Amino acid sequence: MEVAALPSSILVLDDDPDIGLSLQLLLQRRLAPVFTLRRTVELYGALERLRPALLLLDLNFAPGRTDGEQGLRLLDEIRAMSAPPVVIVLTAYANIELAVRAVKHGAFDFITKPWDNARLLHVCREALDYAKRTQSAPAKQTDDPSRETTPQPLVEQERSAVLRAMTDAQGNLSAAARALGLSRAALYRRLQKHGL
């Protein structure tokens, strides 16, 4: 039996069933229907069948892998699809370089496991809002989440600016700090504050 596409559904791809269940319990009651997958081979069929607005994508699937390459490769493939979902990447092995790479590859945001429930809900809500706006927006608009049409809260503007500076500086803390007009210590504090 084929499931009808739900306009605001969320798809989770994580090989850990406990993570999938935790995300489903947290998000489904508050945001949208949540579907979970554990195997990457199921992803494309689920994307076509469900057409989720948001995909929460783990970055590591093979035992012992912590570099995020598998997830980044999937992210590239998903972003190349016509009308891809907004993607938030998840990983327990977070570092600044990986966060920068994920954003460069088109992730809307980067969440570390274990996550803060309030922050995860906030980021998912923003991602769903962004998905809604881009689906209803004229075709000439870009899919770049950094070009928001509605004002973002100040804390989100700061986080976006820090991520953008880190991306532009290719993870070089000194260069990013200079671009932001901050000392390295001030940049470290902001990276810590935003969970980067």
N, C-alpha and C. Protein backbone atom coordinates (compact mmCIF):
# COMPACT_ATOMS: atom_id res chain seq x y z
N MET A 1 0.84 -1.19 0.00
CA MET A 1 0.00 0.00 0.00
C MET A 1 0.88 1.25 0.00
N GLU A 2 0.61 2.15 -0.88
CA GLU A 2 1.42 3.37 -0.99
C GLU A 2 0.88 4.45 -0.06
N VAL A 3 1.79 5.13 0.65
CA VAL A 3 1.41 6.19 1.57
C VAL A 3 1.34 7.49 0.79
N ALA A 4 0.29 8.26 1.00
CA ALA A 4 0.16 9.55 0.32
C ALA A 4 1.17 10.53 0.88
N ALA A 5 1.66 11.40 0.02
CA ALA A 5 2.63 12.41 0.45
C ALA A 5 1.98 13.37 1.44
N LEU A 6 2.68 13.65 2.50
CA LEU A 6 2.20 14.60 3.50
C LEU A 6 3.03 15.86 3.36
N PRO A 7 2.42 17.03 3.19
CA PRO A 7 3.16 18.24 2.87
C PRO A 7 4.17 18.66 3.93
N SER A 8 3.93 18.34 5.19
CA SER A 8 4.87 18.78 6.22
C SER A 8 5.46 17.61 6.99
N SER A 9 5.58 16.46 6.37
CA SER A 9 6.11 15.31 7.09
C SER A 9 7.62 15.40 7.24
N ILE A 10 8.11 14.64 8.21
CA ILE A 10 9.54 14.60 8.52
C ILE A 10 10.00 13.16 8.35
N LEU A 11 11.14 12.99 7.69
CA LEU A 11 11.74 11.67 7.52
C LEU A 11 13.06 11.66 8.28
N VAL A 12 13.29 10.59 9.04
CA VAL A 12 14.52 10.43 9.80
C VAL A 12 15.27 9.23 9.24
N LEU A 13 16.55 9.42 8.92
CA LEU A 13 17.40 8.30 8.51
C LEU A 13 18.55 8.22 9.50
N ASP A 14 18.48 7.21 10.37
CA ASP A 14 19.52 6.98 11.38
C ASP A 14 19.57 5.48 11.64
N ASP A 15 20.77 4.91 11.64
CA ASP A 15 20.89 3.46 11.82
C ASP A 15 20.61 3.00 13.24
N ASP A 16 20.52 3.90 14.19
CA ASP A 16 20.23 3.56 15.58
C ASP A 16 18.72 3.66 15.81
N PRO A 17 18.05 2.52 16.06
CA PRO A 17 16.59 2.56 16.22
C PRO A 17 16.15 3.42 17.42
N ASP A 18 16.97 3.50 18.45
CA ASP A 18 16.62 4.33 19.61
C ASP A 18 16.60 5.81 19.25
N ILE A 19 17.54 6.23 18.40
CA ILE A 19 17.56 7.63 17.94
C ILE A 19 16.31 7.91 17.13
N GLY A 20 15.99 7.02 16.20
CA GLY A 20 14.79 7.19 15.38
C GLY A 20 13.53 7.30 16.22
N LEU A 21 13.39 6.42 17.21
CA LEU A 21 12.21 6.44 18.07
C LEU A 21 12.17 7.72 18.91
N SER A 22 13.32 8.13 19.45
CA SER A 22 13.38 9.36 20.25
C SER A 22 12.95 10.57 19.43
N LEU A 23 13.46 10.66 18.20
CA LEU A 23 13.10 11.78 17.33
C LEU A 23 11.62 11.73 16.98
N GLN A 24 11.12 10.55 16.71
CA GLN A 24 9.71 10.41 16.36
C GLN A 24 8.82 10.86 17.53
N LEU A 25 9.14 10.40 18.74
CA LEU A 25 8.35 10.77 19.90
C LEU A 25 8.41 12.27 20.18
N LEU A 26 9.57 12.88 20.00
CA LEU A 26 9.74 14.31 20.27
C LEU A 26 9.04 15.17 19.22
N LEU A 27 9.25 14.85 17.95
CA LEU A 27 8.80 15.73 16.86
C LEU A 27 7.36 15.51 16.42
N GLN A 28 6.90 14.27 16.47
CA GLN A 28 5.59 13.97 15.91
C GLN A 28 4.47 14.67 16.67
N ARG A 29 4.56 14.75 17.97
CA ARG A 29 3.51 15.40 18.77
C ARG A 29 3.53 16.91 18.61
N ARG A 30 4.68 17.47 18.28
CA ARG A 30 4.82 18.93 18.29
C ARG A 30 4.87 19.57 16.90
N LEU A 31 5.34 18.82 15.88
CA LEU A 31 5.57 19.48 14.59
C LEU A 31 4.83 18.85 13.41
N ALA A 32 5.04 17.56 13.16
CA ALA A 32 4.51 16.94 11.95
C ALA A 32 4.65 15.42 12.04
N PRO A 33 3.97 14.70 11.17
CA PRO A 33 4.15 13.24 11.15
C PRO A 33 5.62 12.90 10.87
N VAL A 34 6.13 11.88 11.56
CA VAL A 34 7.54 11.49 11.43
C VAL A 34 7.62 10.03 11.00
N PHE A 35 8.43 9.78 9.98
CA PHE A 35 8.70 8.43 9.50
C PHE A 35 10.19 8.16 9.71
N THR A 36 10.52 6.94 10.13
CA THR A 36 11.92 6.63 10.40
C THR A 36 12.42 5.50 9.51
N LEU A 37 13.69 5.61 9.14
CA LEU A 37 14.39 4.58 8.37
C LEU A 37 15.70 4.27 9.06
N ARG A 38 16.19 3.05 8.90
CA ARG A 38 17.48 2.67 9.48
C ARG A 38 18.53 2.38 8.41
N ARG A 39 18.09 2.10 7.19
CA ARG A 39 19.03 1.71 6.14
C ARG A 39 19.02 2.70 4.99
N THR A 40 20.20 3.03 4.50
CA THR A 40 20.32 4.02 3.42
C THR A 40 19.64 3.54 2.14
N VAL A 41 19.59 2.23 1.91
CA VAL A 41 18.97 1.72 0.67
C VAL A 41 17.48 2.00 0.61
N GLU A 42 16.86 2.29 1.76
CA GLU A 42 15.43 2.58 1.79
C GLU A 42 15.13 4.06 1.52
N LEU A 43 16.16 4.89 1.52
CA LEU A 43 15.96 6.34 1.49
C LEU A 43 15.25 6.82 0.23
N TYR A 44 15.72 6.45 -0.96
CA TYR A 44 15.18 7.04 -2.18
C TYR A 44 13.73 6.65 -2.42
N GLY A 45 13.39 5.42 -2.10
CA GLY A 45 11.99 5.00 -2.21
C GLY A 45 11.10 5.78 -1.26
N ALA A 46 11.59 5.99 -0.05
CA ALA A 46 10.81 6.75 0.94
C ALA A 46 10.67 8.22 0.53
N LEU A 47 11.73 8.80 -0.02
CA LEU A 47 11.65 10.19 -0.47
C LEU A 47 10.62 10.34 -1.57
N GLU A 48 10.61 9.39 -2.48
CA GLU A 48 9.66 9.45 -3.60
C GLU A 48 8.24 9.22 -3.12
N ARG A 49 8.05 8.27 -2.22
CA ARG A 49 6.73 7.90 -1.73
C ARG A 49 6.15 8.96 -0.79
N LEU A 50 6.95 9.43 0.16
CA LEU A 50 6.45 10.32 1.21
C LEU A 50 6.60 11.80 0.87
N ARG A 51 7.59 12.15 0.07
CA ARG A 51 7.92 13.54 -0.25
C ARG A 51 7.93 14.41 1.00
N PRO A 52 8.81 14.09 1.95
CA PRO A 52 8.83 14.85 3.20
C PRO A 52 9.35 16.27 2.98
N ALA A 53 8.91 17.17 3.83
CA ALA A 53 9.41 18.54 3.78
C ALA A 53 10.80 18.62 4.40
N LEU A 54 11.07 17.72 5.36
CA LEU A 54 12.31 17.76 6.14
C LEU A 54 12.89 16.37 6.28
N LEU A 55 14.20 16.27 6.10
CA LEU A 55 14.93 15.02 6.32
C LEU A 55 15.97 15.27 7.40
N LEU A 56 15.92 14.44 8.45
CA LEU A 56 16.98 14.45 9.47
C LEU A 56 17.90 13.30 9.10
N LEU A 57 19.14 13.63 8.75
CA LEU A 57 20.07 12.68 8.16
C LEU A 57 21.29 12.47 9.05
N ASP A 58 21.47 11.24 9.51
CA ASP A 58 22.68 10.88 10.25
C ASP A 58 23.84 10.90 9.25
N LEU A 59 25.04 11.18 9.73
CA LEU A 59 26.19 11.26 8.83
C LEU A 59 27.02 9.99 8.79
N ASN A 60 26.86 9.07 9.73
CA ASN A 60 27.67 7.85 9.77
C ASN A 60 26.79 6.62 9.91
N PHE A 61 27.03 5.62 9.04
CA PHE A 61 26.20 4.43 9.06
C PHE A 61 26.99 3.14 9.27
N ALA A 62 28.21 3.07 8.79
CA ALA A 62 29.01 1.85 8.95
C ALA A 62 29.64 1.84 10.35
N PRO A 63 29.72 0.68 10.99
CA PRO A 63 30.34 0.60 12.31
C PRO A 63 31.77 1.16 12.29
N GLY A 64 32.06 1.98 13.29
CA GLY A 64 33.41 2.54 13.40
C GLY A 64 33.66 3.80 12.59
N ARG A 65 32.71 4.19 11.74
CA ARG A 65 32.90 5.39 10.92
C ARG A 65 32.52 6.62 11.72
N THR A 66 33.36 7.65 11.67
CA THR A 66 33.08 8.89 12.38
C THR A 66 33.37 10.12 11.52
N ASP A 67 33.76 9.92 10.25
CA ASP A 67 34.18 11.05 9.42
C ASP A 67 33.04 11.76 8.70
N GLY A 68 31.85 11.16 8.69
CA GLY A 68 30.70 11.79 8.06
C GLY A 68 30.64 11.68 6.55
N GLU A 69 31.60 11.00 5.93
CA GLU A 69 31.65 10.94 4.46
C GLU A 69 30.41 10.29 3.86
N GLN A 70 29.91 9.23 4.49
CA GLN A 70 28.71 8.56 3.95
C GLN A 70 27.53 9.52 3.90
N GLY A 71 27.30 10.24 4.98
CA GLY A 71 26.19 11.17 5.03
C GLY A 71 26.35 12.35 4.09
N LEU A 72 27.58 12.85 3.98
CA LEU A 72 27.83 13.97 3.05
C LEU A 72 27.59 13.55 1.61
N ARG A 73 27.96 12.32 1.27
CA ARG A 73 27.71 11.81 -0.08
C ARG A 73 26.20 11.72 -0.34
N LEU A 74 25.46 11.19 0.65
CA LEU A 74 24.00 11.14 0.52
C LEU A 74 23.41 12.53 0.40
N LEU A 75 23.93 13.46 1.19
CA LEU A 75 23.45 14.84 1.15
C LEU A 75 23.62 15.43 -0.25
N ASP A 76 24.77 15.20 -0.86
CA ASP A 76 24.99 15.67 -2.24
C ASP A 76 23.97 15.08 -3.20
N GLU A 77 23.70 13.78 -3.07
CA GLU A 77 22.75 13.11 -3.96
C GLU A 77 21.33 13.65 -3.74
N ILE A 78 20.98 13.87 -2.50
CA ILE A 78 19.64 14.38 -2.19
C ILE A 78 19.47 15.79 -2.71
N ARG A 79 20.46 16.64 -2.50
CA ARG A 79 20.38 18.04 -2.96
C ARG A 79 20.32 18.12 -4.49
N ALA A 80 20.82 17.10 -5.19
CA ALA A 80 20.79 17.10 -6.66
C ALA A 80 19.42 16.69 -7.20
N MET A 81 18.54 16.19 -6.34
CA MET A 81 17.21 15.76 -6.78
C MET A 81 16.36 16.98 -7.10
N SER A 82 15.33 16.77 -7.92
CA SER A 82 14.40 17.87 -8.14
C SER A 82 13.49 17.94 -6.92
N ALA A 83 13.27 19.12 -6.40
CA ALA A 83 12.46 19.37 -5.21
C ALA A 83 12.90 18.52 -4.01
N PRO A 84 14.16 18.66 -3.60
CA PRO A 84 14.63 17.88 -2.45
C PRO A 84 14.05 18.42 -1.15
N PRO A 85 14.00 17.57 -0.11
CA PRO A 85 13.57 18.08 1.19
C PRO A 85 14.66 18.96 1.79
N VAL A 86 14.29 19.77 2.75
CA VAL A 86 15.28 20.49 3.55
C VAL A 86 15.97 19.44 4.41
N VAL A 87 17.29 19.54 4.54
CA VAL A 87 18.04 18.51 5.27
C VAL A 87 18.75 19.12 6.48
N ILE A 88 18.53 18.49 7.63
CA ILE A 88 19.29 18.79 8.84
C ILE A 88 20.14 17.56 9.12
N VAL A 89 21.44 17.75 9.26
CA VAL A 89 22.31 16.61 9.53
C VAL A 89 22.49 16.42 11.02
N LEU A 90 22.65 15.15 11.40
CA LEU A 90 22.83 14.75 12.80
C LEU A 90 24.11 13.93 12.91
N THR A 91 24.87 14.15 13.96
CA THR A 91 26.02 13.29 14.21
C THR A 91 26.43 13.37 15.66
N ALA A 92 26.96 12.26 16.15
CA ALA A 92 27.52 12.22 17.51
C ALA A 92 28.98 12.63 17.47
N TYR A 93 29.57 12.67 16.29
CA TYR A 93 31.00 12.97 16.14
C TYR A 93 31.18 14.34 15.51
N ALA A 94 30.80 15.36 16.26
CA ALA A 94 30.79 16.71 15.71
C ALA A 94 32.11 17.42 15.91
N ASN A 95 32.49 18.17 14.89
CA ASN A 95 33.58 19.12 15.00
C ASN A 95 33.27 20.26 14.03
N ILE A 96 34.00 21.34 14.17
CA ILE A 96 33.73 22.52 13.36
C ILE A 96 33.90 22.22 11.88
N GLU A 97 34.94 21.50 11.53
CA GLU A 97 35.20 21.21 10.12
C GLU A 97 34.04 20.44 9.50
N LEU A 98 33.51 19.46 10.21
CA LEU A 98 32.40 18.68 9.68
C LEU A 98 31.14 19.54 9.55
N ALA A 99 30.89 20.41 10.52
CA ALA A 99 29.73 21.32 10.44
C ALA A 99 29.85 22.23 9.23
N VAL A 100 31.03 22.76 9.00
CA VAL A 100 31.27 23.64 7.85
C VAL A 100 31.05 22.87 6.55
N ARG A 101 31.58 21.66 6.48
CA ARG A 101 31.41 20.84 5.27
C ARG A 101 29.94 20.52 5.02
N ALA A 102 29.19 20.21 6.07
CA ALA A 102 27.77 19.88 5.91
C ALA A 102 27.00 21.08 5.36
N VAL A 103 27.28 22.26 5.89
CA VAL A 103 26.61 23.47 5.40
C VAL A 103 27.01 23.74 3.95
N LYS A 104 28.27 23.56 3.63
CA LYS A 104 28.72 23.73 2.23
C LYS A 104 28.03 22.76 1.29
N HIS A 105 27.73 21.57 1.79
CA HIS A 105 27.05 20.56 0.98
C HIS A 105 25.55 20.79 0.89
N GLY A 106 25.05 21.82 1.57
CA GLY A 106 23.64 22.18 1.43
C GLY A 106 22.76 21.87 2.61
N ALA A 107 23.32 21.47 3.75
CA ALA A 107 22.50 21.22 4.93
C ALA A 107 21.91 22.53 5.45
N PHE A 108 20.70 22.47 5.91
CA PHE A 108 20.05 23.65 6.50
C PHE A 108 20.68 23.96 7.85
N ASP A 109 21.00 22.91 8.59
CA ASP A 109 21.64 23.07 9.90
C ASP A 109 22.32 21.78 10.29
N PHE A 110 23.01 21.84 11.41
CA PHE A 110 23.86 20.76 11.90
C PHE A 110 23.54 20.57 13.38
N ILE A 111 23.10 19.38 13.76
CA ILE A 111 22.73 19.08 15.15
C ILE A 111 23.62 17.96 15.68
N THR A 112 24.16 18.17 16.88
CA THR A 112 24.99 17.13 17.49
C THR A 112 24.16 16.28 18.43
N LYS A 113 24.50 15.00 18.46
CA LYS A 113 23.86 14.05 19.39
C LYS A 113 24.78 13.90 20.59
N PRO A 114 24.25 13.86 21.80
CA PRO A 114 22.85 14.06 22.14
C PRO A 114 22.45 15.52 21.95
N TRP A 115 21.23 15.74 21.56
CA TRP A 115 20.76 17.09 21.24
C TRP A 115 20.01 17.70 22.42
N ASP A 116 19.86 19.00 22.33
CA ASP A 116 19.01 19.75 23.25
C ASP A 116 17.62 19.79 22.61
N ASN A 117 16.60 19.27 23.31
CA ASN A 117 15.26 19.17 22.73
C ASN A 117 14.72 20.51 22.24
N ALA A 118 14.89 21.56 23.06
CA ALA A 118 14.35 22.87 22.68
C ALA A 118 15.02 23.38 21.41
N ARG A 119 16.34 23.23 21.32
CA ARG A 119 17.05 23.69 20.12
C ARG A 119 16.65 22.88 18.90
N LEU A 120 16.56 21.55 19.05
CA LEU A 120 16.17 20.70 17.93
C LEU A 120 14.78 21.07 17.43
N LEU A 121 13.84 21.26 18.34
CA LEU A 121 12.49 21.65 17.93
C LEU A 121 12.50 22.99 17.20
N HIS A 122 13.27 23.94 17.72
CA HIS A 122 13.36 25.26 17.09
C HIS A 122 13.93 25.15 15.66
N VAL A 123 15.02 24.42 15.51
CA VAL A 123 15.65 24.28 14.19
C VAL A 123 14.73 23.54 13.23
N CYS A 124 14.07 22.49 13.69
CA CYS A 124 13.14 21.75 12.82
C CYS A 124 11.96 22.63 12.41
N ARG A 125 11.45 23.43 13.35
CA ARG A 125 10.35 24.34 13.03
C ARG A 125 10.79 25.34 11.96
N GLU A 126 11.99 25.90 12.13
CA GLU A 126 12.51 26.83 11.12
C GLU A 126 12.68 26.16 9.76
N ALA A 127 13.18 24.93 9.77
CA ALA A 127 13.38 24.19 8.52
C ALA A 127 12.05 23.92 7.82
N LEU A 128 11.03 23.55 8.59
CA LEU A 128 9.70 23.32 8.00
C LEU A 128 9.11 24.61 7.46
N ASP A 129 9.31 25.71 8.18
CA ASP A 129 8.84 27.02 7.68
C ASP A 129 9.56 27.38 6.39
N TYR A 130 10.87 27.14 6.37
CA TYR A 130 11.65 27.43 5.16
C TYR A 130 11.15 26.57 3.99
N ALA A 131 10.89 25.29 4.26
CA ALA A 131 10.39 24.39 3.20
C ALA A 131 9.06 24.89 2.66
N LYS A 132 8.19 25.34 3.56
CA LYS A 132 6.88 25.86 3.15
C LYS A 132 7.03 27.10 2.27
N ARG A 133 7.92 28.00 2.70
CA ARG A 133 8.14 29.24 1.92
C ARG A 133 8.72 28.94 0.54
N THR A 134 9.67 28.03 0.46
CA THR A 134 10.29 27.76 -0.83
C THR A 134 9.36 27.00 -1.76
N GLN A 135 8.45 26.18 -1.21
CA GLN A 135 7.49 25.48 -2.06
C GLN A 135 6.48 26.44 -2.66
N SER A 136 6.11 27.48 -1.89
CA SER A 136 5.10 28.41 -2.39
C SER A 136 5.71 29.64 -3.06
N ALA A 137 7.04 29.76 -3.01
CA ALA A 137 7.71 30.93 -3.59
C ALA A 137 7.81 30.80 -5.11
N PRO A 138 7.92 31.93 -5.82
CA PRO A 138 8.13 31.89 -7.26
C PRO A 138 9.41 31.13 -7.61
N ALA A 139 9.45 30.55 -8.78
CA ALA A 139 10.58 29.73 -9.20
C ALA A 139 11.89 30.50 -9.26
N LYS A 140 11.84 31.82 -9.44
CA LYS A 140 13.07 32.60 -9.57
C LYS A 140 13.84 32.70 -8.26
N GLN A 141 13.18 32.42 -7.12
CA GLN A 141 13.88 32.52 -5.85
C GLN A 141 14.87 31.38 -5.70
N THR A 142 15.92 31.65 -4.93
CA THR A 142 16.97 30.66 -4.71
C THR A 142 16.59 29.72 -3.58
N ASP A 143 17.20 28.54 -3.55
CA ASP A 143 17.00 27.59 -2.47
C ASP A 143 18.01 27.80 -1.36
N ASP A 144 18.68 28.92 -1.35
CA ASP A 144 19.71 29.21 -0.35
C ASP A 144 19.06 29.66 0.95
N PRO A 145 19.13 28.82 2.04
CA PRO A 145 18.48 29.20 3.27
C PRO A 145 19.07 30.45 3.91
N SER A 146 20.24 30.89 3.48
CA SER A 146 20.84 32.09 4.06
C SER A 146 20.18 33.36 3.53
N ARG A 147 19.34 33.23 2.50
CA ARG A 147 18.65 34.40 1.95
C ARG A 147 17.20 34.40 2.40
N GLU A 148 16.99 34.57 3.64
CA GLU A 148 15.66 34.56 4.24
C GLU A 148 14.88 35.81 3.82
N THR A 149 13.58 35.65 3.66
CA THR A 149 12.75 36.79 3.33
C THR A 149 12.11 37.39 4.58
N THR A 150 11.99 36.59 5.65
CA THR A 150 11.47 37.12 6.90
C THR A 150 12.61 37.26 7.89
N PRO A 151 12.54 38.25 8.76
CA PRO A 151 13.63 38.46 9.71
C PRO A 151 13.79 37.27 10.65
N GLN A 152 15.04 36.92 10.90
CA GLN A 152 15.36 35.85 11.85
C GLN A 152 15.60 36.47 13.22
N PRO A 153 15.35 35.70 14.29
CA PRO A 153 15.72 36.20 15.61
C PRO A 153 17.23 36.48 15.65
N LEU A 154 17.62 37.40 16.51
CA LEU A 154 19.02 37.83 16.59
C LEU A 154 19.96 36.66 16.83
N VAL A 155 19.59 35.73 17.72
CA VAL A 155 20.48 34.61 18.01
C VAL A 155 20.69 33.74 16.77
N GLU A 156 19.65 33.59 15.94
CA GLU A 156 19.79 32.81 14.71
C GLU A 156 20.62 33.56 13.67
N GLN A 157 20.49 34.89 13.63
CA GLN A 157 21.33 35.68 12.72
C GLN A 157 22.79 35.52 13.11
N GLU A 158 23.07 35.56 14.42
CA GLU A 158 24.44 35.39 14.88
C GLU A 158 24.97 34.01 14.50
N ARG A 159 24.16 32.98 14.74
CA ARG A 159 24.58 31.61 14.41
C ARG A 159 24.85 31.48 12.91
N SER A 160 23.96 32.04 12.09
CA SER A 160 24.15 31.98 10.64
C SER A 160 25.43 32.71 10.22
N ALA A 161 25.68 33.87 10.84
CA ALA A 161 26.89 34.63 10.50
C ALA A 161 28.15 33.86 10.88
N VAL A 162 28.13 33.22 12.05
CA VAL A 162 29.29 32.43 12.48
C VAL A 162 29.51 31.25 11.54
N LEU A 163 28.43 30.54 11.21
CA LEU A 163 28.56 29.40 10.28
C LEU A 163 29.06 29.85 8.91
N ARG A 164 28.51 30.96 8.42
CA ARG A 164 28.92 31.47 7.11
C ARG A 164 30.41 31.87 7.13
N ALA A 165 30.84 32.54 8.21
CA ALA A 165 32.25 32.93 8.31
C ALA A 165 33.15 31.71 8.39
N MET A 166 32.73 30.69 9.13
CA MET A 166 33.53 29.46 9.23
C MET A 166 33.57 28.75 7.88
N THR A 167 32.45 28.78 7.16
CA THR A 167 32.42 28.16 5.83
C THR A 167 33.33 28.91 4.87
N ASP A 168 33.23 30.24 4.85
CA ASP A 168 34.06 31.05 3.97
C ASP A 168 35.55 30.89 4.29
N ALA A 169 35.86 30.72 5.59
CA ALA A 169 37.26 30.58 6.01
C ALA A 169 37.72 29.12 5.96
N GLN A 170 36.86 28.25 5.46
CA GLN A 170 37.15 26.82 5.34
C GLN A 170 37.64 26.23 6.66
N GLY A 171 36.98 26.61 7.75
CA GLY A 171 37.29 26.07 9.06
C GLY A 171 38.44 26.73 9.79
N ASN A 172 39.09 27.71 9.16
CA ASN A 172 40.21 28.40 9.79
C ASN A 172 39.67 29.40 10.81
N LEU A 173 39.90 29.11 12.10
CA LEU A 173 39.34 29.93 13.17
C LEU A 173 39.86 31.37 13.14
N SER A 174 41.14 31.53 12.88
CA SER A 174 41.71 32.88 12.87
C SER A 174 41.10 33.73 11.76
N ALA A 175 40.98 33.14 10.57
CA ALA A 175 40.40 33.88 9.43
C ALA A 175 38.93 34.19 9.69
N ALA A 176 38.19 33.24 10.25
CA ALA A 176 36.77 33.48 10.55
C ALA A 176 36.62 34.58 11.60
N ALA A 177 37.46 34.54 12.62
CA ALA A 177 37.41 35.57 13.67
C ALA A 177 37.68 36.96 13.07
N ARG A 178 38.68 37.05 12.18
CA ARG A 178 38.99 38.34 11.53
C ARG A 178 37.81 38.81 10.70
N ALA A 179 37.19 37.90 9.96
CA ALA A 179 36.05 38.27 9.10
C ALA A 179 34.88 38.78 9.93
N LEU A 180 34.72 38.23 11.13
CA LEU A 180 33.62 38.64 11.99
C LEU A 180 33.97 39.83 12.88
N GLY A 181 35.26 40.22 12.86
CA GLY A 181 35.70 41.32 13.72
C GLY A 181 35.75 40.92 15.18
N LEU A 182 36.06 39.65 15.44
CA LEU A 182 36.11 39.12 16.80
C LEU A 182 37.51 38.62 17.13
N SER A 183 37.79 38.49 18.40
CA SER A 183 39.01 37.79 18.81
C SER A 183 38.74 36.29 18.68
N ARG A 184 39.80 35.49 18.67
CA ARG A 184 39.61 34.03 18.62
C ARG A 184 38.82 33.56 19.83
N ALA A 185 39.11 34.13 20.99
CA ALA A 185 38.41 33.73 22.22
C ALA A 185 36.91 34.02 22.11
N ALA A 186 36.56 35.19 21.55
CA ALA A 186 35.15 35.53 21.38
C ALA A 186 34.48 34.59 20.39
N LEU A 187 35.20 34.22 19.33
CA LEU A 187 34.66 33.27 18.36
C LEU A 187 34.44 31.91 19.01
N TYR A 188 35.41 31.44 19.81
CA TYR A 188 35.26 30.18 20.53
C TYR A 188 33.99 30.20 21.39
N ARG A 189 33.76 31.30 22.09
CA ARG A 189 32.58 31.39 22.95
C ARG A 189 31.29 31.29 22.13
N ARG A 190 31.28 31.94 20.97
CA ARG A 190 30.08 31.88 20.13
C ARG A 190 29.90 30.49 19.53
N LEU A 191 30.98 29.84 19.14
CA LEU A 191 30.88 28.48 18.61
C LEU A 191 30.30 27.55 19.69
N GLN A 192 30.77 27.72 20.91
CA GLN A 192 30.28 26.90 22.02
C GLN A 192 28.81 27.22 22.31
N LYS A 193 28.46 28.49 22.31
CA LYS A 193 27.10 28.93 22.58
C LYS A 193 26.11 28.33 21.59
N HIS A 194 26.51 28.23 20.33
CA HIS A 194 25.62 27.73 19.28
C HIS A 194 25.79 26.25 19.00
N GLY A 195 26.58 25.57 19.81
CA GLY A 195 26.74 24.13 19.65
C GLY A 195 27.49 23.73 18.39
N LEU A 196 28.41 24.59 17.96
CA LEU A 196 29.17 24.29 16.74
C LEU A 196 30.51 23.76 17.11
